[in-house]
PDB file of all heavy atoms in Angstrom:
ATOM      1  N   PHE A   1      71.057 141.174  12.572  1.00  0.00           N
ATOM      2  CA  PHE A   1      71.417 142.518  12.981  1.00  0.00           C
ATOM      3  C   PHE A   1      71.231 143.498  11.854  1.00  0.00           C
ATOM      4  O   PHE A   1      70.812 144.610  11.948  1.00  0.00           O
ATOM      5  CB  PHE A   1      72.821 142.575  13.483  1.00  0.00           C
ATOM      6  CG  PHE A   1      73.320 143.975  13.714  1.00  0.00           C
ATOM      7  CD1 PHE A   1      72.952 144.723  14.802  1.00  0.00           C
ATOM      8  CD2 PHE A   1      74.251 144.587  12.903  1.00  0.00           C
ATOM      9  CE1 PHE A   1      73.199 145.950  15.116  1.00  0.00           C
ATOM     10  CE2 PHE A   1      74.646 145.904  13.081  1.00  0.00           C
ATOM     11  CZ  PHE A   1      74.127 146.631  14.214  1.00  0.00           C
ATOM     12  N   TYR A   2      71.574 143.049  10.582  1.00  0.00           N
ATOM     13  CA  TYR A   2      71.472 144.018   9.449  1.00  0.00           C
ATOM     14  C   TYR A   2      70.084 144.441   9.267  1.00  0.00           C
ATOM     15  O   TYR A   2      69.809 145.597   8.922  1.00  0.00           O
ATOM     16  CB  TYR A   2      71.904 143.172   8.132  1.00  0.00           C
ATOM     17  CG  TYR A   2      72.255 144.229   7.095  1.00  0.00           C
ATOM     18  CD1 TYR A   2      73.539 144.748   7.068  1.00  0.00           C
ATOM     19  CD2 TYR A   2      71.335 144.422   6.041  1.00  0.00           C
ATOM     20  CE1 TYR A   2      73.775 145.618   5.901  1.00  0.00           C
ATOM     21  CE2 TYR A   2      71.698 145.273   4.987  1.00  0.00           C
ATOM     22  CZ  TYR A   2      72.892 145.823   5.006  1.00  0.00           C
ATOM     23  OH  TYR A   2      73.167 146.707   3.953  1.00  0.00           O
ATOM     24  N   GLN A   3      69.048 143.520   9.655  1.00  0.00           N
ATOM     25  CA  GLN A   3      67.654 143.904   9.393  1.00  0.00           C
ATOM     26  C   GLN A   3      67.082 144.733  10.764  1.00  0.00           C
ATOM     27  O   GLN A   3      66.303 145.510  10.658  1.00  0.00           O
ATOM     28  CB  GLN A   3      66.740 142.645   9.270  1.00  0.00           C
ATOM     29  CG  GLN A   3      67.147 141.896   7.991  1.00  0.00           C
ATOM     30  CD  GLN A   3      66.971 142.729   6.753  1.00  0.00           C
ATOM     31  OE1 GLN A   3      66.057 143.465   6.596  1.00  0.00           O
ATOM     32  NE2 GLN A   3      67.803 142.515   5.784  1.00  0.00           N
ATOM     33  N   LEU A   4      67.582 144.383  11.905  1.00  0.00           N
ATOM     34  CA  LEU A   4      67.239 144.934  13.093  1.00  0.00           C
ATOM     35  C   LEU A   4      67.735 146.293  13.367  1.00  0.00           C
ATOM     36  O   LEU A   4      67.121 147.039  14.193  1.00  0.00           O
ATOM     37  CB  LEU A   4      67.594 143.962  14.273  1.00  0.00           C
ATOM     38  CG  LEU A   4      66.907 142.635  14.298  1.00  0.00           C
ATOM     39  CD1 LEU A   4      67.541 141.744  15.404  1.00  0.00           C
ATOM     40  CD2 LEU A   4      65.277 142.805  14.628  1.00  0.00           C
ATOM     41  N   ALA A   5      68.915 146.612  12.853  1.00  0.00           N
ATOM     42  CA  ALA A   5      69.597 147.884  13.188  1.00  0.00           C
ATOM     43  C   ALA A   5      68.650 149.073  13.130  1.00  0.00           C
ATOM     44  O   ALA A   5      68.803 149.883  14.043  1.00  0.00           O
ATOM     45  CB  ALA A   5      70.885 147.912  12.302  1.00  0.00           C
ATOM     46  N   PRO A   6      67.911 149.223  12.067  1.00  0.00           N
ATOM     47  CA  PRO A   6      67.063 150.551  11.974  1.00  0.00           C
ATOM     48  C   PRO A   6      66.159 150.674  13.337  1.00  0.00           C
ATOM     49  O   PRO A   6      65.611 151.779  13.492  1.00  0.00           O
ATOM     50  CB  PRO A   6      66.368 150.372  10.752  1.00  0.00           C
ATOM     51  CG  PRO A   6      67.231 149.410  10.003  1.00  0.00           C
ATOM     52  CD  PRO A   6      67.796 148.483  10.914  1.00  0.00           C
ATOM     53  N   MET A   7      65.816 149.520  13.984  1.00  0.00           N
ATOM     54  CA  MET A   7      64.938 149.582  15.085  1.00  0.00           C
ATOM     55  C   MET A   7      65.615 149.720  16.367  1.00  0.00           C
ATOM     56  O   MET A   7      64.941 149.743  17.556  1.00  0.00           O
ATOM     57  CB  MET A   7      63.982 148.319  15.017  1.00  0.00           C
ATOM     58  CG  MET A   7      63.186 148.330  13.850  1.00  0.00           C
ATOM     59  SD  MET A   7      62.221 146.736  13.807  1.00  0.00           S
ATOM     60  CE  MET A   7      63.491 145.601  13.209  1.00  0.00           C
ATOM     61  N   LEU A   8      66.930 149.730  16.472  1.00  0.00           N
ATOM     62  CA  LEU A   8      67.640 149.687  17.679  1.00  0.00           C
ATOM     63  C   LEU A   8      68.363 151.048  18.156  1.00  0.00           C
ATOM     64  O   LEU A   8      68.778 151.798  17.187  1.00  0.00           O
ATOM     65  CB  LEU A   8      68.730 148.657  17.660  1.00  0.00           C
ATOM     66  CG  LEU A   8      68.218 147.207  17.422  1.00  0.00           C
ATOM     67  CD1 LEU A   8      69.515 146.305  17.147  1.00  0.00           C
ATOM     68  CD2 LEU A   8      67.544 146.667  18.578  1.00  0.00           C
ATOM     69  N   LYS A   9      68.479 151.292  19.349  1.00  0.00           N
ATOM     70  CA  LYS A   9      69.300 152.459  19.775  1.00  0.00           C
ATOM     71  C   LYS A   9      70.027 152.062  21.103  1.00  0.00           C
ATOM     72  O   LYS A   9      69.617 151.209  21.883  1.00  0.00           O
ATOM     73  CB  LYS A   9      68.371 153.644  20.331  1.00  0.00           C
ATOM     74  CG  LYS A   9      67.678 154.281  19.078  1.00  0.00           C
ATOM     75  CD  LYS A   9      68.705 154.977  18.241  1.00  0.00           C
ATOM     76  CE  LYS A   9      68.061 155.627  16.988  1.00  0.00           C
ATOM     77  NZ  LYS A   9      69.043 156.076  15.976  1.00  0.00           N
ATOM     78  N   ALA A  10      71.230 152.300  21.173  1.00  0.00           N
ATOM     79  CA  ALA A  10      72.107 151.927  22.285  1.00  0.00           C
ATOM     80  C   ALA A  10      73.380 153.001  22.394  1.00  0.00           C
ATOM     81  O   ALA A  10      73.571 153.853  21.513  1.00  0.00           O
ATOM     82  CB  ALA A  10      72.788 150.573  22.025  1.00  0.00           C
ATOM     83  N   ASP A  11      74.119 152.852  23.418  1.00  0.00           N
ATOM     84  CA  ASP A  11      75.190 153.677  23.627  1.00  0.00           C
ATOM     85  C   ASP A  11      76.360 153.304  22.899  1.00  0.00           C
ATOM     86  O   ASP A  11      77.174 154.035  22.281  1.00  0.00           O
ATOM     87  CB  ASP A  11      75.662 153.695  25.132  1.00  0.00           C
ATOM     88  CG  ASP A  11      74.593 154.313  26.108  1.00  0.00           C
ATOM     89  OD1 ASP A  11      74.256 155.586  25.877  1.00  0.00           O
ATOM     90  OD2 ASP A  11      73.919 153.536  26.782  1.00  0.00           O
ATOM     91  N   VAL A  12      76.598 151.926  22.681  1.00  0.00           N
ATOM     92  CA  VAL A  12      77.683 151.473  22.027  1.00  0.00           C
ATOM     93  C   VAL A  12      77.207 150.158  21.141  1.00  0.00           C
ATOM     94  O   VAL A  12      76.304 149.394  21.599  1.00  0.00           O
ATOM     95  CB  VAL A  12      78.798 150.967  22.974  1.00  0.00           C
ATOM     96  CG1 VAL A  12      80.007 150.379  22.167  1.00  0.00           C
ATOM     97  CG2 VAL A  12      79.301 152.108  23.723  1.00  0.00           C
ATOM     98  N   VAL A  13      77.846 149.969  19.959  1.00  0.00           N
ATOM     99  CA  VAL A  13      77.542 148.752  19.161  1.00  0.00           C
ATOM    100  C   VAL A  13      78.924 147.989  18.998  1.00  0.00           C
ATOM    101  O   VAL A  13      80.050 148.637  18.727  1.00  0.00           O
ATOM    102  CB  VAL A  13      77.046 149.001  17.763  1.00  0.00           C
ATOM    103  CG1 VAL A  13      76.975 147.721  17.028  1.00  0.00           C
ATOM    104  CG2 VAL A  13      75.812 149.704  17.818  1.00  0.00           C
ATOM    105  N   PHE A  14      78.961 146.732  19.582  1.00  0.00           N
ATOM    106  CA  PHE A  14      80.153 145.835  19.393  1.00  0.00           C
ATOM    107  C   PHE A  14      79.806 144.859  18.227  1.00  0.00           C
ATOM    108  O   PHE A  14      78.761 144.251  18.286  1.00  0.00           O
ATOM    109  CB  PHE A  14      80.460 145.035  20.623  1.00  0.00           C
ATOM    110  CG  PHE A  14      81.578 144.233  20.511  1.00  0.00           C
ATOM    111  CD1 PHE A  14      82.794 144.442  20.474  1.00  0.00           C
ATOM    112  CD2 PHE A  14      81.341 142.825  20.066  1.00  0.00           C
ATOM    113  CE1 PHE A  14      83.882 143.572  20.458  1.00  0.00           C
ATOM    114  CE2 PHE A  14      82.293 141.892  20.030  1.00  0.00           C
ATOM    115  CZ  PHE A  14      83.597 142.366  20.091  1.00  0.00           C
ATOM    116  N   MET A  15      80.678 144.799  17.278  1.00  0.00           N
ATOM    117  CA  MET A  15      80.511 143.998  16.170  1.00  0.00           C
ATOM    118  C   MET A  15      81.663 143.017  15.819  1.00  0.00           C
ATOM    119  O   MET A  15      82.847 143.515  15.803  1.00  0.00           O
ATOM    120  CB  MET A  15      80.240 144.815  14.863  1.00  0.00           C
ATOM    121  CG  MET A  15      78.965 145.709  14.848  1.00  0.00           C
ATOM    122  SD  MET A  15      78.654 146.123  13.189  1.00  0.00           S
ATOM    123  CE  MET A  15      80.106 147.096  12.711  1.00  0.00           C
ATOM    124  N   SER A  16      81.428 141.852  15.629  1.00  0.00           N
ATOM    125  CA  SER A  16      82.437 140.905  14.985  1.00  0.00           C
ATOM    126  C   SER A  16      81.685 140.061  14.010  1.00  0.00           C
ATOM    127  O   SER A  16      81.324 138.837  14.330  1.00  0.00           O
ATOM    128  CB  SER A  16      83.003 140.091  16.187  1.00  0.00           C
ATOM    129  OG  SER A  16      84.027 139.352  15.598  1.00  0.00           O
ATOM    130  N   PRO A  17      81.392 140.648  12.772  1.00  0.00           N
ATOM    131  CA  PRO A  17      80.698 139.977  11.743  1.00  0.00           C
ATOM    132  C   PRO A  17      81.410 138.622  11.286  1.00  0.00           C
ATOM    133  O   PRO A  17      82.668 138.523  11.591  1.00  0.00           O
ATOM    134  CB  PRO A  17      80.599 140.851  10.564  1.00  0.00           C
ATOM    135  CG  PRO A  17      80.894 142.199  11.180  1.00  0.00           C
ATOM    136  CD  PRO A  17      81.836 141.991  12.225  1.00  0.00           C
ATOM    137  N   PRO A  18      80.761 137.622  10.588  1.00  0.00           N
ATOM    138  CA  PRO A  18      81.428 136.478  10.139  1.00  0.00           C
ATOM    139  C   PRO A  18      82.583 136.925   9.253  1.00  0.00           C
ATOM    140  O   PRO A  18      82.564 137.627   8.470  1.00  0.00           O
ATOM    141  CB  PRO A  18      80.370 135.825   9.345  1.00  0.00           C
ATOM    142  CG  PRO A  18      78.990 136.303   9.930  1.00  0.00           C
ATOM    143  CD  PRO A  18      79.359 137.726  10.336  1.00  0.00           C
ATOM    144  N   TRP A  19      83.710 136.217   9.536  1.00  0.00           N
ATOM    145  CA  TRP A  19      84.927 136.518   8.813  1.00  0.00           C
ATOM    146  C   TRP A  19      85.118 135.430   7.609  1.00  0.00           C
ATOM    147  O   TRP A  19      86.075 135.603   6.880  1.00  0.00           O
ATOM    148  CB  TRP A  19      86.130 136.300   9.730  1.00  0.00           C
ATOM    149  CG  TRP A  19      86.211 137.351  10.861  1.00  0.00           C
ATOM    150  CD1 TRP A  19      85.450 138.477  10.921  1.00  0.00           C
ATOM    151  CD2 TRP A  19      87.013 137.305  12.000  1.00  0.00           C
ATOM    152  NE1 TRP A  19      85.764 139.100  12.148  1.00  0.00           N
ATOM    153  CE2 TRP A  19      86.660 138.464  12.740  1.00  0.00           C
ATOM    154  CE3 TRP A  19      88.033 136.438  12.401  1.00  0.00           C
ATOM    155  CZ2 TRP A  19      87.504 138.744  14.020  1.00  0.00           C
ATOM    156  CZ3 TRP A  19      88.733 136.691  13.623  1.00  0.00           C
ATOM    157  CH2 TRP A  19      88.409 137.786  14.387  1.00  0.00           C
ATOM    158  N   GLY A  20      84.335 134.410   7.634  1.00  0.00           N
ATOM    159  CA  GLY A  20      84.435 133.436   6.639  1.00  0.00           C
ATOM    160  C   GLY A  20      85.219 132.088   6.943  1.00  0.00           C
ATOM    161  O   GLY A  20      85.745 131.426   6.309  1.00  0.00           O
ATOM    162  N   GLY A  21      85.233 131.928   8.409  1.00  0.00           N
ATOM    163  CA  GLY A  21      85.908 130.719   8.815  1.00  0.00           C
ATOM    164  C   GLY A  21      87.352 130.836   8.936  1.00  0.00           C
ATOM    165  O   GLY A  21      87.889 131.896   8.644  1.00  0.00           O
ATOM    166  N   PRO A  22      88.106 129.927   9.462  1.00  0.00           N
ATOM    167  CA  PRO A  22      89.575 129.985   9.612  1.00  0.00           C
ATOM    168  C   PRO A  22      90.287 130.226   8.336  1.00  0.00           C
ATOM    169  O   PRO A  22      91.541 130.496   8.349  1.00  0.00           O
ATOM    170  CB  PRO A  22      89.867 128.655  10.293  1.00  0.00           C
ATOM    171  CG  PRO A  22      88.719 127.736  10.100  1.00  0.00           C
ATOM    172  CD  PRO A  22      87.601 128.541   9.873  1.00  0.00           C
ATOM    173  N   GLU A  23      89.655 130.006   7.246  1.00  0.00           N
ATOM    174  CA  GLU A  23      90.322 130.247   5.976  1.00  0.00           C
ATOM    175  C   GLU A  23      90.902 131.665   5.727  1.00  0.00           C
ATOM    176  O   GLU A  23      91.856 131.922   4.942  1.00  0.00           O
ATOM    177  CB  GLU A  23      89.387 129.887   4.700  1.00  0.00           C
ATOM    178  CG  GLU A  23      89.058 128.449   4.631  1.00  0.00           C
ATOM    179  CD  GLU A  23      87.997 128.002   5.700  1.00  0.00           C
ATOM    180  OE1 GLU A  23      87.309 128.855   6.248  1.00  0.00           O
ATOM    181  OE2 GLU A  23      87.793 126.922   5.798  1.00  0.00           O
ATOM    182  N   TYR A  24      90.372 132.696   6.575  1.00  0.00           N
ATOM    183  CA  TYR A  24      90.874 134.054   6.405  1.00  0.00           C
ATOM    184  C   TYR A  24      92.289 134.173   6.783  1.00  0.00           C
ATOM    185  O   TYR A  24      92.964 134.992   6.348  1.00  0.00           O
ATOM    186  CB  TYR A  24      90.106 134.919   7.298  1.00  0.00           C
ATOM    187  CG  TYR A  24      90.379 134.874   8.799  1.00  0.00           C
ATOM    188  CD1 TYR A  24      91.487 135.527   9.419  1.00  0.00           C
ATOM    189  CD2 TYR A  24      89.755 133.986   9.665  1.00  0.00           C
ATOM    190  CE1 TYR A  24      91.807 135.551  10.712  1.00  0.00           C
ATOM    191  CE2 TYR A  24      90.012 133.918  11.014  1.00  0.00           C
ATOM    192  CZ  TYR A  24      90.989 134.632  11.540  1.00  0.00           C
ATOM    193  OH  TYR A  24      91.359 134.532  12.889  1.00  0.00           O
ATOM    194  N   LEU A  25      92.853 133.116   7.562  1.00  0.00           N
ATOM    195  CA  LEU A  25      94.304 133.114   7.944  1.00  0.00           C
ATOM    196  C   LEU A  25      95.177 132.861   6.726  1.00  0.00           C
ATOM    197  O   LEU A  25      96.432 133.174   6.648  1.00  0.00           O
ATOM    198  CB  LEU A  25      94.510 132.186   8.993  1.00  0.00           C
ATOM    199  CG  LEU A  25      93.953 132.434  10.320  1.00  0.00           C
ATOM    200  CD1 LEU A  25      94.060 131.289  11.306  1.00  0.00           C
ATOM    201  CD2 LEU A  25      94.532 133.776  10.902  1.00  0.00           C
TER     202      LEU A  25
END
């Protein structure tokens, strides 16, 4: 997505990027 974003257009973007695994807790 980081590379594709400049070529995309939409009404809404939903994002949930990698958090780093369950260790974030």
